[in-house]
Amino acid sequence: MRKLLADADLAGLSSSDIPPMFQEVVERGWSVTGGGARVLTGLRPDTAGSWFDRLAEETTINGRGMTDHDLSTEPAATDVRANVLLRRCLAYAAGCLRAARDHFGDDEVRAYVSLSLGGLDDDLLTARVTFCTPLPDTAPYIADLERVQDAAVAELSVRDVPGGGTA
């Protein structure tokens, strides 16, 4: 992921990089479930589910694959696809993390952005973003993040995104 981030064109990253469906999620903000999970209101199911723990509830509700149906699937377009997916994911993560900080008054929520091969033949670059709050009595969402080998993954806090630092 470090190489992807270093090679990506992230100049001018803004909310205009977020697909409309995901922008609506950012705008609807955050809420807390009966189990204490911090969830994106626009992704919250209509009926309450049964969860093993708060981390499972947060990652299940908050996790989504990034829109890519409008991007080329041709091998020659792989670099362009990667850059656009990364821009979309990072802009979405930034918007949600800033909204979480504003709603909860802290910087505890983390975003996990991952790019990996998927599709029918595991040859198509896909992306996913999820959000959760690390808890002292629960194992991390991704243990030993630096050792992940089947995807490029970044863990971000609001302090890592444009406009996320405190003034």
N, C-alpha and C. Protein backbone atom coordinates (compact mmCIF):
# COMPACT_ATOMS: atom_id res chain seq x y z
N MET A 1 0.83 -1.19 0.00
CA MET A 1 0.00 0.00 0.00
C MET A 1 0.87 1.25 0.00
N ARG A 2 2.00 1.19 0.68
CA ARG A 2 2.89 2.36 0.68
C ARG A 2 3.28 2.76 -0.74
N LYS A 3 3.61 1.77 -1.57
CA LYS A 3 4.00 2.06 -2.95
C LYS A 3 2.81 2.63 -3.72
N LEU A 4 1.63 2.05 -3.55
CA LEU A 4 0.45 2.57 -4.23
C LEU A 4 0.20 4.03 -3.84
N LEU A 5 0.30 4.31 -2.55
CA LEU A 5 0.09 5.68 -2.08
C LEU A 5 1.16 6.62 -2.61
N ALA A 6 2.40 6.14 -2.64
CA ALA A 6 3.50 6.98 -3.14
C ALA A 6 3.36 7.26 -4.63
N ASP A 7 2.88 6.29 -5.38
CA ASP A 7 2.76 6.44 -6.83
C ASP A 7 1.47 7.11 -7.27
N ALA A 8 0.49 7.17 -6.40
CA ALA A 8 -0.83 7.69 -6.77
C ALA A 8 -0.81 9.21 -6.94
N ASP A 9 -1.66 9.67 -7.85
CA ASP A 9 -1.87 11.11 -8.03
C ASP A 9 -3.02 11.51 -7.10
N LEU A 10 -2.67 12.05 -5.94
CA LEU A 10 -3.67 12.42 -4.95
C LEU A 10 -3.84 13.93 -4.85
N ALA A 11 -3.25 14.66 -5.78
CA ALA A 11 -3.37 16.12 -5.79
C ALA A 11 -4.84 16.50 -5.96
N GLY A 12 -5.28 17.45 -5.16
CA GLY A 12 -6.63 17.96 -5.28
C GLY A 12 -7.71 16.98 -4.84
N LEU A 13 -7.35 15.98 -4.05
CA LEU A 13 -8.31 15.02 -3.56
C LEU A 13 -9.44 15.76 -2.83
N SER A 14 -10.68 15.48 -3.20
CA SER A 14 -11.81 16.19 -2.59
C SER A 14 -13.07 15.34 -2.62
N SER A 15 -14.13 15.89 -2.11
CA SER A 15 -15.41 15.18 -2.11
C SER A 15 -15.90 14.89 -3.53
N SER A 16 -15.41 15.62 -4.52
CA SER A 16 -15.81 15.34 -5.90
C SER A 16 -15.28 13.99 -6.38
N ASP A 17 -14.32 13.41 -5.67
CA ASP A 17 -13.80 12.09 -6.01
C ASP A 17 -14.70 10.97 -5.48
N ILE A 18 -15.65 11.31 -4.61
CA ILE A 18 -16.52 10.31 -4.00
C ILE A 18 -17.72 10.05 -4.91
N PRO A 19 -17.98 8.79 -5.28
CA PRO A 19 -19.17 8.49 -6.07
C PRO A 19 -20.43 8.93 -5.33
N PRO A 20 -21.48 9.35 -6.06
CA PRO A 20 -22.69 9.90 -5.43
C PRO A 20 -23.29 9.05 -4.32
N MET A 21 -23.38 7.74 -4.52
CA MET A 21 -23.96 6.87 -3.49
C MET A 21 -23.16 6.97 -2.18
N PHE A 22 -21.85 7.02 -2.30
CA PHE A 22 -21.01 7.10 -1.11
C PHE A 22 -21.04 8.51 -0.51
N GLN A 23 -21.20 9.52 -1.35
CA GLN A 23 -21.32 10.89 -0.84
C GLN A 23 -22.57 11.02 0.03
N GLU A 24 -23.65 10.36 -0.37
CA GLU A 24 -24.87 10.36 0.45
C GLU A 24 -24.61 9.74 1.82
N VAL A 25 -23.81 8.70 1.85
CA VAL A 25 -23.47 8.05 3.13
C VAL A 25 -22.69 9.04 4.00
N VAL A 26 -21.71 9.73 3.42
CA VAL A 26 -20.94 10.73 4.18
C VAL A 26 -21.88 11.77 4.75
N GLU A 27 -22.79 12.27 3.93
CA GLU A 27 -23.69 13.34 4.35
C GLU A 27 -24.67 12.91 5.43
N ARG A 28 -25.07 11.66 5.45
CA ARG A 28 -26.01 11.18 6.48
C ARG A 28 -25.34 11.02 7.84
N GLY A 29 -24.01 10.94 7.86
CA GLY A 29 -23.28 10.92 9.12
C GLY A 29 -23.29 9.59 9.86
N TRP A 30 -23.12 9.72 11.16
CA TRP A 30 -22.91 8.56 12.03
C TRP A 30 -24.01 8.45 13.07
N SER A 31 -24.16 7.23 13.61
CA SER A 31 -25.07 6.99 14.72
C SER A 31 -24.51 5.84 15.55
N VAL A 32 -25.17 5.57 16.65
CA VAL A 32 -24.74 4.49 17.56
C VAL A 32 -25.88 3.49 17.69
N THR A 33 -25.56 2.21 17.55
CA THR A 33 -26.58 1.16 17.67
C THR A 33 -26.85 0.86 19.14
N GLY A 34 -27.84 0.05 19.39
CA GLY A 34 -28.17 -0.38 20.75
C GLY A 34 -27.01 -1.11 21.42
N GLY A 35 -26.16 -1.74 20.62
CA GLY A 35 -25.00 -2.46 21.14
C GLY A 35 -23.78 -1.58 21.31
N GLY A 36 -23.94 -0.28 21.04
CA GLY A 36 -22.83 0.66 21.20
C GLY A 36 -21.92 0.80 20.00
N ALA A 37 -22.27 0.17 18.89
CA ALA A 37 -21.43 0.24 17.69
C ALA A 37 -21.60 1.60 17.01
N ARG A 38 -20.49 2.13 16.54
CA ARG A 38 -20.49 3.36 15.77
C ARG A 38 -20.65 2.99 14.30
N VAL A 39 -21.76 3.40 13.72
CA VAL A 39 -22.05 3.00 12.34
C VAL A 39 -22.45 4.20 11.50
N LEU A 40 -22.17 4.08 10.21
CA LEU A 40 -22.61 5.09 9.27
C LEU A 40 -24.13 4.96 9.11
N THR A 41 -24.83 6.02 9.39
CA THR A 41 -26.29 6.00 9.40
C THR A 41 -26.85 5.53 8.06
N GLY A 42 -26.26 5.95 6.95
CA GLY A 42 -26.74 5.56 5.63
C GLY A 42 -26.54 4.10 5.30
N LEU A 43 -25.74 3.38 6.08
CA LEU A 43 -25.50 1.95 5.86
C LEU A 43 -26.19 1.08 6.91
N ARG A 44 -26.78 1.72 7.89
CA ARG A 44 -27.40 1.00 9.01
C ARG A 44 -28.63 0.23 8.52
N PRO A 45 -28.71 -1.05 8.84
CA PRO A 45 -29.88 -1.83 8.39
C PRO A 45 -31.14 -1.39 9.14
N ASP A 46 -32.28 -1.67 8.52
CA ASP A 46 -33.56 -1.29 9.12
C ASP A 46 -33.86 -2.08 10.38
N THR A 47 -33.40 -3.32 10.43
CA THR A 47 -33.65 -4.14 11.61
C THR A 47 -32.32 -4.45 12.29
N ALA A 48 -32.37 -4.51 13.60
CA ALA A 48 -31.17 -4.80 14.38
C ALA A 48 -30.75 -6.25 14.16
N GLY A 49 -29.45 -6.46 14.09
CA GLY A 49 -28.93 -7.80 13.92
C GLY A 49 -28.36 -8.32 15.24
N SER A 50 -27.90 -9.54 15.19
CA SER A 50 -27.25 -10.16 16.34
C SER A 50 -25.77 -10.27 16.01
N TRP A 51 -24.93 -9.74 16.87
CA TRP A 51 -23.50 -9.66 16.58
C TRP A 51 -22.69 -10.31 17.69
N PHE A 52 -21.57 -10.88 17.30
CA PHE A 52 -20.65 -11.49 18.26
C PHE A 52 -20.08 -10.44 19.19
N ASP A 53 -19.69 -9.30 18.62
CA ASP A 53 -19.16 -8.19 19.43
C ASP A 53 -19.32 -6.89 18.64
N ARG A 54 -18.96 -5.82 19.26
CA ARG A 54 -19.11 -4.50 18.64
C ARG A 54 -18.25 -4.35 17.39
N LEU A 55 -17.06 -4.91 17.40
CA LEU A 55 -16.18 -4.83 16.23
C LEU A 55 -16.84 -5.51 15.03
N ALA A 56 -17.41 -6.68 15.22
CA ALA A 56 -18.08 -7.39 14.12
C ALA A 56 -19.26 -6.57 13.60
N GLU A 57 -20.00 -5.95 14.49
CA GLU A 57 -21.14 -5.13 14.06
C GLU A 57 -20.65 -3.93 13.24
N GLU A 58 -19.64 -3.25 13.73
CA GLU A 58 -19.13 -2.08 13.02
C GLU A 58 -18.57 -2.44 11.65
N THR A 59 -17.73 -3.46 11.58
CA THR A 59 -17.10 -3.78 10.30
C THR A 59 -18.10 -4.35 9.30
N THR A 60 -19.08 -5.08 9.76
CA THR A 60 -20.09 -5.63 8.86
C THR A 60 -20.97 -4.52 8.29
N ILE A 61 -21.44 -3.65 9.14
CA ILE A 61 -22.33 -2.58 8.69
C ILE A 61 -21.56 -1.54 7.88
N ASN A 62 -20.38 -1.16 8.33
CA ASN A 62 -19.64 -0.06 7.71
C ASN A 62 -18.81 -0.45 6.49
N GLY A 63 -18.64 -1.70 6.21
CA GLY A 63 -17.78 -2.12 5.11
C GLY A 63 -18.50 -2.19 3.78
N ARG A 64 -17.86 -1.64 2.76
CA ARG A 64 -18.42 -1.65 1.41
C ARG A 64 -17.32 -1.72 0.36
N GLY A 65 -17.64 -2.39 -0.74
CA GLY A 65 -16.77 -2.36 -1.90
C GLY A 65 -16.97 -1.03 -2.61
N MET A 66 -15.89 -0.47 -3.13
CA MET A 66 -15.96 0.83 -3.80
C MET A 66 -16.50 0.66 -5.22
N THR A 67 -17.32 1.59 -5.63
CA THR A 67 -17.89 1.63 -6.98
C THR A 67 -16.78 1.57 -8.02
N ASP A 68 -16.91 0.61 -8.97
CA ASP A 68 -15.91 0.51 -10.02
C ASP A 68 -16.51 0.12 -11.36
N HIS A 69 -17.83 0.05 -11.46
CA HIS A 69 -18.49 -0.41 -12.69
C HIS A 69 -18.20 0.50 -13.88
N ASP A 70 -17.81 1.74 -13.63
CA ASP A 70 -17.53 2.68 -14.70
C ASP A 70 -16.06 2.68 -15.12
N LEU A 71 -15.25 1.85 -14.51
CA LEU A 71 -13.82 1.81 -14.80
C LEU A 71 -13.48 0.67 -15.74
N SER A 72 -12.48 0.88 -16.55
CA SER A 72 -12.05 -0.14 -17.51
C SER A 72 -11.53 -1.38 -16.79
N THR A 73 -11.84 -2.51 -17.37
CA THR A 73 -11.32 -3.78 -16.85
C THR A 73 -10.18 -4.32 -17.71
N GLU A 74 -9.77 -3.54 -18.71
CA GLU A 74 -8.69 -3.95 -19.60
C GLU A 74 -7.35 -3.94 -18.85
N PRO A 75 -6.52 -4.94 -19.07
CA PRO A 75 -5.21 -4.99 -18.40
C PRO A 75 -4.37 -3.73 -18.62
N ALA A 76 -4.49 -3.10 -19.77
CA ALA A 76 -3.71 -1.89 -20.06
C ALA A 76 -4.13 -0.72 -19.19
N ALA A 77 -5.31 -0.79 -18.59
CA ALA A 77 -5.83 0.32 -17.78
C ALA A 77 -5.65 0.07 -16.28
N THR A 78 -4.86 -0.91 -15.91
CA THR A 78 -4.72 -1.28 -14.50
C THR A 78 -4.22 -0.12 -13.64
N ASP A 79 -3.23 0.61 -14.10
CA ASP A 79 -2.69 1.72 -13.31
C ASP A 79 -3.72 2.83 -13.12
N VAL A 80 -4.45 3.14 -14.19
CA VAL A 80 -5.50 4.16 -14.10
C VAL A 80 -6.59 3.70 -13.13
N ARG A 81 -6.99 2.45 -13.26
CA ARG A 81 -8.01 1.88 -12.38
C ARG A 81 -7.57 1.97 -10.92
N ALA A 82 -6.34 1.59 -10.65
CA ALA A 82 -5.81 1.64 -9.29
C ALA A 82 -5.84 3.06 -8.75
N ASN A 83 -5.43 4.04 -9.54
CA ASN A 83 -5.39 5.41 -9.08
C ASN A 83 -6.80 5.94 -8.79
N VAL A 84 -7.74 5.67 -9.68
CA VAL A 84 -9.10 6.16 -9.48
C VAL A 84 -9.73 5.49 -8.25
N LEU A 85 -9.56 4.17 -8.12
CA LEU A 85 -10.10 3.48 -6.95
C LEU A 85 -9.50 4.02 -5.65
N LEU A 86 -8.20 4.24 -5.66
CA LEU A 86 -7.54 4.76 -4.47
C LEU A 86 -8.05 6.16 -4.13
N ARG A 87 -8.18 7.02 -5.12
CA ARG A 87 -8.71 8.38 -4.90
C ARG A 87 -10.12 8.30 -4.32
N ARG A 88 -10.96 7.46 -4.89
CA ARG A 88 -12.34 7.33 -4.40
C ARG A 88 -12.35 6.86 -2.95
N CYS A 89 -11.58 5.83 -2.67
CA CYS A 89 -11.55 5.28 -1.31
C CYS A 89 -11.03 6.30 -0.30
N LEU A 90 -9.93 6.97 -0.64
CA LEU A 90 -9.35 7.92 0.31
C LEU A 90 -10.25 9.13 0.52
N ALA A 91 -10.91 9.61 -0.52
CA ALA A 91 -11.82 10.74 -0.37
C ALA A 91 -13.02 10.34 0.50
N TYR A 92 -13.56 9.15 0.25
CA TYR A 92 -14.67 8.64 1.05
C TYR A 92 -14.25 8.45 2.51
N ALA A 93 -13.10 7.83 2.72
CA ALA A 93 -12.60 7.63 4.08
C ALA A 93 -12.40 8.96 4.79
N ALA A 94 -11.83 9.93 4.10
CA ALA A 94 -11.60 11.25 4.71
C ALA A 94 -12.92 11.89 5.13
N GLY A 95 -13.90 11.87 4.24
CA GLY A 95 -15.19 12.46 4.57
C GLY A 95 -15.85 11.79 5.76
N CYS A 96 -15.82 10.47 5.79
CA CYS A 96 -16.44 9.73 6.90
C CYS A 96 -15.68 9.93 8.20
N LEU A 97 -14.36 9.95 8.14
CA LEU A 97 -13.57 10.14 9.36
C LEU A 97 -13.76 11.54 9.94
N ARG A 98 -13.83 12.55 9.09
CA ARG A 98 -14.09 13.91 9.59
C ARG A 98 -15.49 13.99 10.20
N ALA A 99 -16.46 13.35 9.56
CA ALA A 99 -17.83 13.34 10.09
C ALA A 99 -17.88 12.60 11.43
N ALA A 100 -17.11 11.53 11.57
CA ALA A 100 -17.07 10.78 12.84
C ALA A 100 -16.48 11.65 13.94
N ARG A 101 -15.40 12.33 13.63
CA ARG A 101 -14.79 13.23 14.62
C ARG A 101 -15.78 14.29 15.06
N ASP A 102 -16.48 14.89 14.11
CA ASP A 102 -17.45 15.93 14.43
C ASP A 102 -18.61 15.39 15.24
N HIS A 103 -19.06 14.19 14.93
CA HIS A 103 -20.21 13.60 15.62
C HIS A 103 -19.85 13.10 17.03
N PHE A 104 -18.75 12.37 17.12
CA PHE A 104 -18.39 11.72 18.39
C PHE A 104 -17.49 12.57 19.26
N GLY A 105 -16.87 13.58 18.69
CA GLY A 105 -15.99 14.45 19.47
C GLY A 105 -14.64 13.83 19.79
N ASP A 106 -14.27 12.80 19.05
CA ASP A 106 -12.96 12.18 19.26
C ASP A 106 -12.43 11.68 17.92
N ASP A 107 -11.24 11.11 17.94
CA ASP A 107 -10.62 10.61 16.71
C ASP A 107 -10.41 9.10 16.75
N GLU A 108 -11.33 8.40 17.40
CA GLU A 108 -11.17 6.96 17.61
C GLU A 108 -11.48 6.09 16.39
N VAL A 109 -12.40 6.51 15.53
CA VAL A 109 -12.79 5.68 14.39
C VAL A 109 -11.62 5.55 13.42
N ARG A 110 -11.43 4.35 12.90
CA ARG A 110 -10.39 4.08 11.91
C ARG A 110 -11.03 3.63 10.61
N ALA A 111 -10.40 4.01 9.51
CA ALA A 111 -10.80 3.53 8.19
C ALA A 111 -9.77 2.51 7.73
N TYR A 112 -10.24 1.47 7.08
CA TYR A 112 -9.37 0.48 6.47
C TYR A 112 -9.68 0.47 4.98
N VAL A 113 -8.70 0.87 4.19
CA VAL A 113 -8.81 0.91 2.75
C VAL A 113 -7.99 -0.25 2.22
N SER A 114 -8.61 -1.08 1.39
CA SER A 114 -7.87 -2.21 0.83
C SER A 114 -8.10 -2.31 -0.67
N LEU A 115 -7.04 -2.65 -1.37
CA LEU A 115 -7.09 -2.95 -2.79
C LEU A 115 -6.57 -4.36 -2.96
N SER A 116 -7.33 -5.16 -3.72
CA SER A 116 -6.93 -6.54 -3.93
C SER A 116 -7.50 -7.03 -5.25
N LEU A 117 -7.03 -8.19 -5.68
CA LEU A 117 -7.54 -8.78 -6.90
C LEU A 117 -8.81 -9.55 -6.60
N GLY A 118 -9.81 -9.35 -7.45
CA GLY A 118 -11.09 -10.01 -7.30
C GLY A 118 -11.66 -10.32 -8.66
N GLY A 119 -12.97 -10.36 -8.75
CA GLY A 119 -13.62 -10.70 -10.00
C GLY A 119 -13.71 -12.20 -10.16
N LEU A 120 -14.28 -12.62 -11.26
CA LEU A 120 -14.50 -14.05 -11.49
C LEU A 120 -13.21 -14.85 -11.57
N ASP A 121 -12.15 -14.23 -12.07
CA ASP A 121 -10.88 -14.94 -12.23
C ASP A 121 -9.77 -14.40 -11.32
N ASP A 122 -10.16 -13.65 -10.31
CA ASP A 122 -9.18 -13.02 -9.40
C ASP A 122 -8.11 -12.26 -10.18
N ASP A 123 -8.53 -11.54 -11.22
CA ASP A 123 -7.59 -10.77 -12.01
C ASP A 123 -8.03 -9.31 -12.18
N LEU A 124 -9.01 -8.89 -11.39
CA LEU A 124 -9.54 -7.54 -11.49
C LEU A 124 -9.28 -6.80 -10.18
N LEU A 125 -8.63 -5.65 -10.26
CA LEU A 125 -8.34 -4.87 -9.07
C LEU A 125 -9.65 -4.30 -8.51
N THR A 126 -9.91 -4.59 -7.26
CA THR A 126 -11.10 -4.10 -6.57
C THR A 126 -10.67 -3.39 -5.29
N ALA A 127 -11.59 -2.63 -4.72
CA ALA A 127 -11.27 -1.87 -3.51
C ALA A 127 -12.42 -1.96 -2.52
N ARG A 128 -12.07 -1.82 -1.25
CA ARG A 128 -13.04 -1.90 -0.16
C ARG A 128 -12.63 -0.91 0.92
N VAL A 129 -13.64 -0.34 1.58
CA VAL A 129 -13.41 0.56 2.71
C VAL A 129 -14.33 0.12 3.84
N THR A 130 -13.79 0.05 5.03
CA THR A 130 -14.62 -0.21 6.20
C THR A 130 -14.13 0.67 7.34
N PHE A 131 -14.98 0.81 8.33
CA PHE A 131 -14.67 1.66 9.48
C PHE A 131 -14.99 0.90 10.76
N CYS A 132 -14.15 1.10 11.77
CA CYS A 132 -14.41 0.53 13.08
C CYS A 132 -13.63 1.32 14.12
N THR A 133 -13.99 1.05 15.35
CA THR A 133 -13.35 1.72 16.48
C THR A 133 -12.55 0.68 17.26
N PRO A 134 -11.23 0.84 17.35
CA PRO A 134 -10.44 -0.11 18.15
C PRO A 134 -10.93 -0.10 19.61
N LEU A 135 -11.01 -1.27 20.17
CA LEU A 135 -11.48 -1.42 21.55
C LEU A 135 -10.41 -2.12 22.38
N PRO A 136 -10.23 -1.70 23.62
CA PRO A 136 -9.16 -2.29 24.44
C PRO A 136 -9.37 -3.77 24.74
N ASP A 137 -10.61 -4.25 24.74
CA ASP A 137 -10.88 -5.64 25.11
C ASP A 137 -11.18 -6.53 23.90
N THR A 138 -10.87 -6.04 22.70
CA THR A 138 -11.17 -6.78 21.47
C THR A 138 -9.93 -6.79 20.58
N ALA A 139 -9.71 -7.92 19.93
CA ALA A 139 -8.57 -8.03 19.00
C ALA A 139 -8.74 -6.99 17.89
N PRO A 140 -7.65 -6.51 17.31
CA PRO A 140 -7.76 -5.53 16.23
C PRO A 140 -8.48 -6.10 15.02
N TYR A 141 -9.07 -5.22 14.22
CA TYR A 141 -9.76 -5.64 13.00
C TYR A 141 -8.81 -6.41 12.09
N ILE A 142 -7.62 -5.88 11.86
CA ILE A 142 -6.60 -6.59 11.08
C ILE A 142 -5.34 -6.66 11.94
N ALA A 143 -5.10 -7.84 12.47
CA ALA A 143 -3.91 -8.03 13.29
C ALA A 143 -2.68 -8.05 12.40
N ASP A 144 -1.63 -7.42 12.86
CA ASP A 144 -0.34 -7.41 12.14
C ASP A 144 -0.51 -6.93 10.70
N LEU A 145 -1.05 -5.76 10.57
CA LEU A 145 -1.37 -5.14 9.28
C LEU A 145 -0.19 -5.17 8.30
N GLU A 146 1.01 -4.98 8.79
CA GLU A 146 2.19 -4.95 7.92
C GLU A 146 2.48 -6.29 7.26
N ARG A 147 1.92 -7.35 7.77
CA ARG A 147 2.20 -8.68 7.21
C ARG A 147 1.13 -9.17 6.24
N VAL A 148 0.10 -8.38 6.00
CA VAL A 148 -0.94 -8.77 5.05
C VAL A 148 -0.30 -8.93 3.67
N GLN A 149 -0.57 -10.05 3.02
CA GLN A 149 0.07 -10.33 1.74
C GLN A 149 -0.89 -10.41 0.56
N ASP A 150 -2.16 -10.65 0.80
CA ASP A 150 -3.09 -10.83 -0.32
C ASP A 150 -3.84 -9.56 -0.71
N ALA A 151 -3.46 -8.42 -0.11
CA ALA A 151 -4.09 -7.14 -0.42
C ALA A 151 -3.16 -6.02 0.01
N ALA A 152 -3.41 -4.85 -0.56
CA ALA A 152 -2.73 -3.64 -0.08
C ALA A 152 -3.72 -2.96 0.86
N VAL A 153 -3.31 -2.77 2.12
CA VAL A 153 -4.23 -2.26 3.14
C VAL A 153 -3.60 -1.08 3.87
N ALA A 154 -4.42 -0.07 4.11
CA ALA A 154 -3.99 1.08 4.91
C ALA A 154 -4.99 1.29 6.03
N GLU A 155 -4.49 1.54 7.23
CA GLU A 155 -5.32 1.93 8.36
C GLU A 155 -5.15 3.44 8.52
N LEU A 156 -6.26 4.17 8.54
CA LEU A 156 -6.22 5.63 8.62
C LEU A 156 -7.05 6.14 9.78
N SER A 157 -6.55 7.19 10.41
CA SER A 157 -7.34 7.92 11.39
C SER A 157 -7.65 9.28 10.79
N VAL A 158 -8.48 10.04 11.43
CA VAL A 158 -8.81 11.37 10.91
C VAL A 158 -7.57 12.24 10.80
N ARG A 159 -6.57 12.01 11.63
CA ARG A 159 -5.33 12.80 11.57
C ARG A 159 -4.51 12.52 10.31
N ASP A 160 -4.81 11.40 9.63
CA ASP A 160 -4.07 11.01 8.42
C ASP A 160 -4.65 11.59 7.13
N VAL A 161 -5.82 12.21 7.21
CA VAL A 161 -6.50 12.64 5.99
C VAL A 161 -6.49 14.17 5.86
N PRO A 162 -6.56 14.67 4.64
CA PRO A 162 -6.61 16.13 4.45
C PRO A 162 -7.78 16.75 5.22
N GLY A 163 -7.48 17.81 5.93
CA GLY A 163 -8.51 18.51 6.71
C GLY A 163 -8.87 17.80 8.00
N GLY A 164 -8.12 16.77 8.35
CA GLY A 164 -8.46 16.00 9.53
C GLY A 164 -7.69 16.39 10.78
N GLY A 165 -6.62 17.14 10.61
CA GLY A 165 -5.82 17.57 11.77
C GLY A 165 -6.55 18.64 12.55
N THR A 166 -6.15 18.81 13.76
CA THR A 166 -6.77 19.85 14.57
C THR A 166 -6.08 21.16 14.30
N ALA A 167 -6.84 22.22 14.36
CA ALA A 167 -6.29 23.54 14.08
C ALA A 167 -5.60 24.12 15.28
